[in-house]
Amino acid sequence: MTNMTLAISEDLHKIMRKHKHIKWSEVARQAIQDQARKLDLMDKLLSKSELTEEDAERIGQKIKHGIAKRHGLIK
C-alpha cells in the first residue's frame, strides 16, 4: 500500500484531536476511495458519449436557468 501525506488546517486539526477515537486515516481512505469509484464510473459512462464539452456546458446552463426560474430567482 502507498502512503500519502495530507495538509489540513489548524481548525480541522483541533476538531480531529477532540475525537481521538476516530481512525482519521480510515476516514480519509474511504473518502478518497468513494470519490475514485465515482470518477471511474463517470469515465465508464462517458466513454461512449458523443457529447462535446460545449454540449455539456450548454445543457448545464439550461439546467441552472430552469432551477433559478423555478425558485423565483429570475423571470
C-alpha atoms as a PDB file:
ATOM      1  CA  MET A   1       0.000   0.000   0.000  1.00  0.00           C
ATOM      2  CA  THR A   2       1.193   3.504  -0.828  1.00  0.00           C
ATOM      3  CA  ASN A   3       1.397   6.207   1.834  1.00  0.00           C
ATOM      4  CA  MET A   4       0.054   9.726   1.400  1.00  0.00           C
ATOM      5  CA  THR A   5       0.599  12.880   3.442  1.00  0.00           C
ATOM      6  CA  LEU A   6      -2.152  15.492   3.749  1.00  0.00           C
ATOM      7  CA  ALA A   7      -2.010  19.084   4.896  1.00  0.00           C
ATOM      8  CA  ILE A   8      -5.003  20.196   6.981  1.00  0.00           C
ATOM      9  CA  SER A   9      -5.930  23.480   8.592  1.00  0.00           C
ATOM     10  CA  GLU A  10      -5.260  24.086  12.266  1.00  0.00           C
ATOM     11  CA  ASP A  11      -9.016  24.396  12.886  1.00  0.00           C
ATOM     12  CA  LEU A  12      -9.636  20.972  11.399  1.00  0.00           C
ATOM     13  CA  HIS A  13      -6.753  19.534  13.380  1.00  0.00           C
ATOM     14  CA  LYS A  14      -8.267  20.848  16.623  1.00  0.00           C
ATOM     15  CA  ILE A  15     -11.554  19.111  15.849  1.00  0.00           C
ATOM     16  CA  MET A  16      -9.771  15.879  14.996  1.00  0.00           C
ATOM     17  CA  ARG A  17      -7.813  15.981  18.265  1.00  0.00           C
ATOM     18  CA  LYS A  18     -11.106  16.180  20.172  1.00  0.00           C
ATOM     19  CA  HIS A  19     -12.145  12.872  18.584  1.00  0.00           C
ATOM     20  CA  LYS A  20      -9.071  10.710  19.009  1.00  0.00           C
ATOM     21  CA  HIS A  21     -11.204   7.553  19.000  1.00  0.00           C
ATOM     22  CA  ILE A  22     -11.833   8.015  15.264  1.00  0.00           C
ATOM     23  CA  LYS A  23      -9.336   6.489  12.851  1.00  0.00           C
ATOM     24  CA  TRP A  24      -8.913   9.568  10.690  1.00  0.00           C
ATOM     25  CA  SER A  25      -6.673   7.802   8.192  1.00  0.00           C
ATOM     26  CA  GLU A  26      -9.535   5.363   7.557  1.00  0.00           C
ATOM     27  CA  VAL A  27     -11.997   8.238   7.128  1.00  0.00           C
ATOM     28  CA  ALA A  28      -9.667   9.822   4.549  1.00  0.00           C
ATOM     29  CA  ARG A  29      -9.052   6.481   2.829  1.00  0.00           C
ATOM     30  CA  GLN A  30     -12.801   5.841   2.496  1.00  0.00           C
ATOM     31  CA  ALA A  31     -13.486   9.354   1.180  1.00  0.00           C
ATOM     32  CA  ILE A  32     -10.738   9.029  -1.426  1.00  0.00           C
ATOM     33  CA  GLN A  33     -11.923   5.565  -2.399  1.00  0.00           C
ATOM     34  CA  ASP A  34     -15.544   6.727  -2.773  1.00  0.00           C
ATOM     35  CA  GLN A  35     -14.502   9.664  -4.942  1.00  0.00           C
ATOM     36  CA  ALA A  36     -12.241   7.468  -7.081  1.00  0.00           C
ATOM     37  CA  ARG A  37     -15.089   4.989  -7.631  1.00  0.00           C
ATOM     38  CA  LYS A  38     -17.422   7.797  -8.693  1.00  0.00           C
ATOM     39  CA  LEU A  39     -14.821   9.084 -11.141  1.00  0.00           C
ATOM     40  CA  ASP A  40     -14.247   5.592 -12.505  1.00  0.00           C
ATOM     41  CA  LEU A  41     -17.990   5.117 -13.014  1.00  0.00           C
ATOM     42  CA  MET A  42     -18.259   8.510 -14.690  1.00  0.00           C
ATOM     43  CA  ASP A  43     -15.376   7.624 -17.027  1.00  0.00           C
ATOM     44  CA  LYS A  44     -17.106   4.365 -17.964  1.00  0.00           C
ATOM     45  CA  LEU A  45     -20.455   6.068 -18.558  1.00  0.00           C
ATOM     46  CA  LEU A  46     -18.910   8.822 -20.652  1.00  0.00           C
ATOM     47  CA  SER A  47     -16.518   6.650 -22.649  1.00  0.00           C
ATOM     48  CA  LYS A  48     -19.059   6.209 -25.450  1.00  0.00           C
ATOM     49  CA  SER A  49     -20.677   9.626 -25.190  1.00  0.00           C
ATOM     50  CA  GLU A  50     -20.818  11.767 -28.285  1.00  0.00           C
ATOM     51  CA  LEU A  51     -21.442  14.983 -26.338  1.00  0.00           C
ATOM     52  CA  THR A  52     -18.755  17.589 -26.583  1.00  0.00           C
ATOM     53  CA  GLU A  53     -17.682  19.672 -23.613  1.00  0.00           C
ATOM     54  CA  GLU A  54     -19.527  22.590 -25.214  1.00  0.00           C
ATOM     55  CA  ASP A  55     -22.711  20.483 -25.394  1.00  0.00           C
ATOM     56  CA  ALA A  56     -22.386  19.585 -21.708  1.00  0.00           C
ATOM     57  CA  GLU A  57     -21.790  23.231 -20.782  1.00  0.00           C
ATOM     58  CA  ARG A  58     -24.862  24.336 -22.736  1.00  0.00           C
ATOM     59  CA  ILE A  59     -27.034  21.661 -21.079  1.00  0.00           C
ATOM     60  CA  GLY A  60     -25.679  22.650 -17.660  1.00  0.00           C
ATOM     61  CA  GLN A  61     -26.549  26.311 -18.264  1.00  0.00           C
ATOM     62  CA  LYS A  62     -30.113  25.350 -19.275  1.00  0.00           C
ATOM     63  CA  ILE A  63     -30.493  23.291 -16.103  1.00  0.00           C
ATOM     64  CA  LYS A  64     -29.179  26.123 -13.917  1.00  0.00           C
ATOM     65  CA  HIS A  65     -31.515  28.578 -15.653  1.00  0.00           C
ATOM     66  CA  GLY A  66     -34.502  26.270 -15.108  1.00  0.00           C
ATOM     67  CA  ILE A  67     -33.675  25.820 -11.418  1.00  0.00           C
ATOM     68  CA  ALA A  68     -33.234  29.562 -10.911  1.00  0.00           C
ATOM     69  CA  LYS A  69     -36.551  30.218 -12.668  1.00  0.00           C
ATOM     70  CA  ARG A  70     -38.365  27.576 -10.597  1.00  0.00           C
ATOM     71  CA  HIS A  71     -37.116  29.175  -7.385  1.00  0.00           C
ATOM     72  CA  GLY A  72     -38.081  32.686  -8.466  1.00  0.00           C
ATOM     73  CA  LEU A  73     -34.541  33.956  -8.811  1.00  0.00           C
ATOM     74  CA  ILE A  74     -35.181  35.015 -12.416  1.00  0.00           C
ATOM     75  CA  LYS A  75     -38.272  35.522 -14.567  1.00  0.00           C
END
